[in-house]
């Protein structure tokens, strides 16, 4: 990890990206990292495009603005690829993590993003199979953990068990843990 890693998430309201960004920040605390997690949206309704952000660092963070030049962009909803410039400001050599059933090579050709690393995960399929509904945030978080390689999977699993079980019960917790672990293992482009 460099001194500061900046992440921008693109999703639609209701897909859980803001929650996933907050979970990532809370997991970073267990690794003694400094962190930020915050959304940028107004009174949008469910389904409207939203952005949220993370910063992770080994040293204190003194930036308090939106992430304009991310190291990594997470695209939770692939329909945004045609309507939102998800590569805006992405640092050269930065990464794109996209919820897609396509391979990184296929998307590389379609999006013409030759100066960036590209990762894909079929987070929607994983969430349907593991949780019984299309909620791609937890699988996207699992894939992100693998791409970042900053927070160990065991730390994430333990955190989710401790925080989800009292709120959501054993069935929902187990589904989320399965989705997280599968995405960590299945992300392509690593």
Protein backbone atom coordinates (compact mmCIF):
# COMPACT_ATOMS: atom_id res chain seq x y z
CA UNK A 1 0.00 0.00 0.00
CA UNK A 2 1.20 3.46 -0.86
CA UNK A 3 0.88 6.24 1.71
CA UNK A 4 -2.63 7.06 0.51
CA UNK A 5 -5.04 4.97 -1.57
CA UNK A 6 -8.11 6.74 -2.92
CA UNK A 7 -11.18 4.87 -4.16
CA UNK A 8 -14.25 6.13 -5.98
CA UNK A 9 -17.39 3.97 -6.14
CA UNK A 10 -20.05 4.32 -8.85
CA UNK A 11 -23.44 2.71 -8.22
CA UNK A 12 -27.14 3.36 -8.16
CA UNK A 13 -29.02 4.27 -5.02
CA UNK A 14 -30.12 1.14 -3.18
CA UNK A 15 -27.27 -1.12 -4.33
CA UNK A 16 -25.39 -0.82 -1.05
CA UNK A 17 -22.24 0.95 -2.27
CA UNK A 18 -22.31 3.48 0.58
CA UNK A 19 -22.63 0.62 3.07
CA UNK A 20 -19.76 -1.27 1.41
CA UNK A 21 -17.54 1.83 1.56
CA UNK A 22 -18.32 2.22 5.26
CA UNK A 23 -17.59 -1.47 5.88
CA UNK A 24 -14.22 -1.12 4.14
CA UNK A 25 -13.37 1.82 6.37
CA UNK A 26 -14.37 -0.05 9.52
CA UNK A 27 -12.27 -3.05 8.46
CA UNK A 28 -9.30 -0.72 7.89
CA UNK A 29 -9.49 0.25 11.55
CA UNK A 30 -8.69 -3.35 12.50
CA UNK A 31 -5.48 -3.04 10.45
CA UNK A 32 -4.47 0.21 12.17
CA UNK A 33 -5.04 2.24 9.01
CA UNK A 34 -6.41 5.73 8.80
CA UNK A 35 -9.56 5.92 6.72
CA UNK A 36 -12.39 7.95 5.29
CA UNK A 37 -15.70 6.82 3.82
CA UNK A 38 -18.33 9.23 2.60
CA UNK A 39 -21.07 9.51 -0.04
CA UNK A 40 -21.72 12.28 -2.51
CA UNK A 41 -25.35 12.51 -3.43
CA UNK A 42 -28.37 14.65 -2.83
CA UNK A 43 -32.00 13.68 -2.50
CA UNK A 44 -31.75 11.11 -5.31
CA UNK A 45 -34.25 8.32 -5.33
CA UNK A 46 -33.49 4.63 -5.43
CA UNK A 47 -31.91 3.75 -8.76
CA UNK A 48 -30.30 7.15 -9.39
CA UNK A 49 -26.54 7.21 -10.03
CA UNK A 50 -24.48 7.92 -6.91
CA UNK A 51 -20.82 8.13 -5.96
CA UNK A 52 -19.09 7.40 -2.71
CA UNK A 53 -15.46 7.44 -1.69
CA UNK A 54 -12.81 5.83 0.47
CA UNK A 55 -9.37 6.89 1.50
CA UNK A 56 -7.02 4.45 3.25
CA UNK A 57 -3.63 5.44 4.58
CA UNK A 58 -0.83 4.44 6.91
CA UNK A 59 -0.50 8.09 7.98
CA UNK A 60 -3.16 10.62 9.04
CA UNK A 61 -5.33 11.93 6.21
CA UNK A 62 -5.65 15.69 5.89
CA UNK A 63 -7.74 15.83 2.70
CA UNK A 64 -11.45 16.51 3.15
CA UNK A 65 -12.79 16.70 -0.40
CA UNK A 66 -14.23 14.29 -2.93
CA UNK A 67 -11.80 11.89 -4.57
CA UNK A 68 -10.92 13.53 -7.89
CA UNK A 69 -7.93 11.36 -8.89
CA UNK A 70 -8.67 7.85 -7.64
CA UNK A 71 -6.21 5.00 -7.58
CA UNK A 72 -9.11 2.61 -8.02
CA UNK A 73 -12.66 2.97 -9.34
CA UNK A 74 -15.33 0.45 -8.33
CA UNK A 75 -18.31 0.15 -10.69
CA UNK A 76 -21.14 -1.63 -8.88
CA UNK A 77 -23.69 -1.15 -11.67
CA UNK A 78 -22.33 -1.91 -15.16
CA UNK A 79 -25.17 0.05 -16.83
CA UNK A 80 -23.37 3.18 -15.66
CA UNK A 81 -20.50 2.46 -18.06
CA UNK A 82 -22.49 3.98 -20.92
CA UNK A 83 -23.74 7.02 -19.02
CA UNK A 84 -21.04 8.03 -16.52
CA UNK A 85 -17.36 8.67 -17.26
CA UNK A 86 -16.07 6.26 -14.63
CA UNK A 87 -12.45 6.79 -15.72
CA UNK A 88 -12.57 10.56 -15.08
CA UNK A 89 -9.45 11.50 -13.15
CA UNK A 90 -8.29 7.88 -12.76
CA UNK A 91 -4.55 7.92 -12.24
CA UNK A 92 -2.39 6.38 -14.98
CA UNK A 93 -1.87 2.75 -14.04
CA UNK A 94 -4.91 2.97 -11.75
CA UNK A 95 -7.47 0.19 -11.57
CA UNK A 96 -11.08 -0.37 -12.53
CA UNK A 97 -13.08 -3.04 -10.70
CA UNK A 98 -16.30 -3.68 -12.60
CA UNK A 99 -19.33 -5.81 -11.77
CA UNK A 100 -19.55 -7.80 -15.01
CA UNK A 101 -19.80 -11.34 -16.31
CA UNK A 102 -17.31 -10.34 -19.02
CA UNK A 103 -13.60 -10.97 -18.73
CA UNK A 104 -11.16 -8.10 -18.20
CA UNK A 105 -9.87 -8.61 -21.76
CA UNK A 106 -13.38 -8.25 -23.22
CA UNK A 107 -14.07 -5.06 -21.29
CA UNK A 108 -10.60 -3.69 -22.06
CA UNK A 109 -11.49 -3.74 -25.77
CA UNK A 110 -15.00 -2.32 -25.25
CA UNK A 111 -13.94 0.51 -22.95
CA UNK A 112 -10.55 1.26 -24.53
CA UNK A 113 -8.89 1.68 -21.13
CA UNK A 114 -5.39 0.63 -22.06
CA UNK A 115 -3.58 2.74 -19.45
CA UNK A 116 -5.42 1.15 -16.53
CA UNK A 117 -5.57 -2.22 -14.81
CA UNK A 118 -8.96 -3.87 -15.21
CA UNK A 119 -10.64 -6.34 -12.86
CA UNK A 120 -14.06 -7.97 -13.21
CA UNK A 121 -16.33 -9.91 -10.91
CA UNK A 122 -19.87 -11.11 -11.57
CA UNK A 123 -21.09 -9.69 -8.28
CA UNK A 124 -24.76 -9.78 -9.28
CA UNK A 125 -24.63 -13.52 -10.03
CA UNK A 126 -22.74 -14.23 -6.80
CA UNK A 127 -25.22 -12.25 -4.72
CA UNK A 128 -28.18 -14.03 -6.32
CA UNK A 129 -26.63 -17.43 -5.66
CA UNK A 130 -25.32 -16.72 -2.16
CA UNK A 131 -27.97 -14.36 -0.79
CA UNK A 132 -31.00 -15.01 -2.97
CA UNK A 133 -31.23 -11.42 -4.23
CA UNK A 134 -29.36 -8.99 -6.43
CA UNK A 135 -27.36 -7.04 -3.86
CA UNK A 136 -23.85 -6.72 -5.34
CA UNK A 137 -22.24 -4.63 -2.59
CA UNK A 138 -20.83 -7.48 -0.49
CA UNK A 139 -19.33 -9.36 -3.46
CA UNK A 140 -17.85 -6.10 -4.76
CA UNK A 141 -16.28 -5.56 -1.34
CA UNK A 142 -14.81 -9.07 -1.42
CA UNK A 143 -13.29 -8.47 -4.86
CA UNK A 144 -11.99 -5.08 -3.74
CA UNK A 145 -10.24 -6.65 -0.76
CA UNK A 146 -8.40 -9.00 -3.13
CA UNK A 147 -7.47 -6.21 -5.56
CA UNK A 148 -6.24 -3.89 -2.79
CA UNK A 149 -4.44 -6.59 -0.80
CA UNK A 150 -4.41 -4.35 2.28
CA UNK A 151 -6.98 -5.97 4.55
CA UNK A 152 -6.71 -9.76 4.93
CA UNK A 153 -9.78 -11.82 4.08
CA UNK A 154 -9.78 -13.30 7.59
CA UNK A 155 -10.09 -9.83 9.11
CA UNK A 156 -13.03 -9.04 6.81
CA UNK A 157 -14.77 -12.33 7.58
CA UNK A 158 -14.38 -11.84 11.32
CA UNK A 159 -15.64 -8.26 11.09
CA UNK A 160 -18.73 -9.25 9.08
CA UNK A 161 -19.52 -12.11 11.47
CA UNK A 162 -19.33 -9.83 14.48
CA UNK A 163 -21.24 -6.91 12.98
CA UNK A 164 -23.86 -8.73 10.87
CA UNK A 165 -24.92 -11.60 13.15
CA UNK A 166 -26.59 -9.45 15.84
CA UNK A 167 -28.38 -7.27 13.26
CA UNK A 168 -29.33 -9.71 10.53
CA UNK A 169 -29.25 -13.21 12.00
CA UNK A 170 -27.40 -16.34 10.90
CA UNK A 171 -28.95 -16.84 7.44
CA UNK A 172 -28.26 -13.33 6.12
CA UNK A 173 -24.81 -13.32 7.74
CA UNK A 174 -23.91 -16.67 6.17
CA UNK A 175 -25.07 -15.48 2.74
CA UNK A 176 -22.99 -12.33 2.96
CA UNK A 177 -19.93 -14.24 4.13
CA UNK A 178 -20.29 -16.69 1.25
CA UNK A 179 -20.66 -13.82 -1.23
CA UNK A 180 -17.61 -12.01 0.17
CA UNK A 181 -15.41 -15.10 0.08
CA UNK A 182 -16.54 -16.22 -3.38
CA UNK A 183 -15.89 -12.80 -4.88
CA UNK A 184 -12.46 -12.66 -3.23
CA UNK A 185 -11.64 -16.00 -4.92
CA UNK A 186 -13.33 -15.36 -8.28
CA UNK A 187 -12.26 -11.81 -9.18
CA UNK A 188 -10.47 -11.79 -12.54
CA UNK A 189 -7.51 -9.67 -13.51
CA UNK A 190 -5.56 -10.06 -10.27
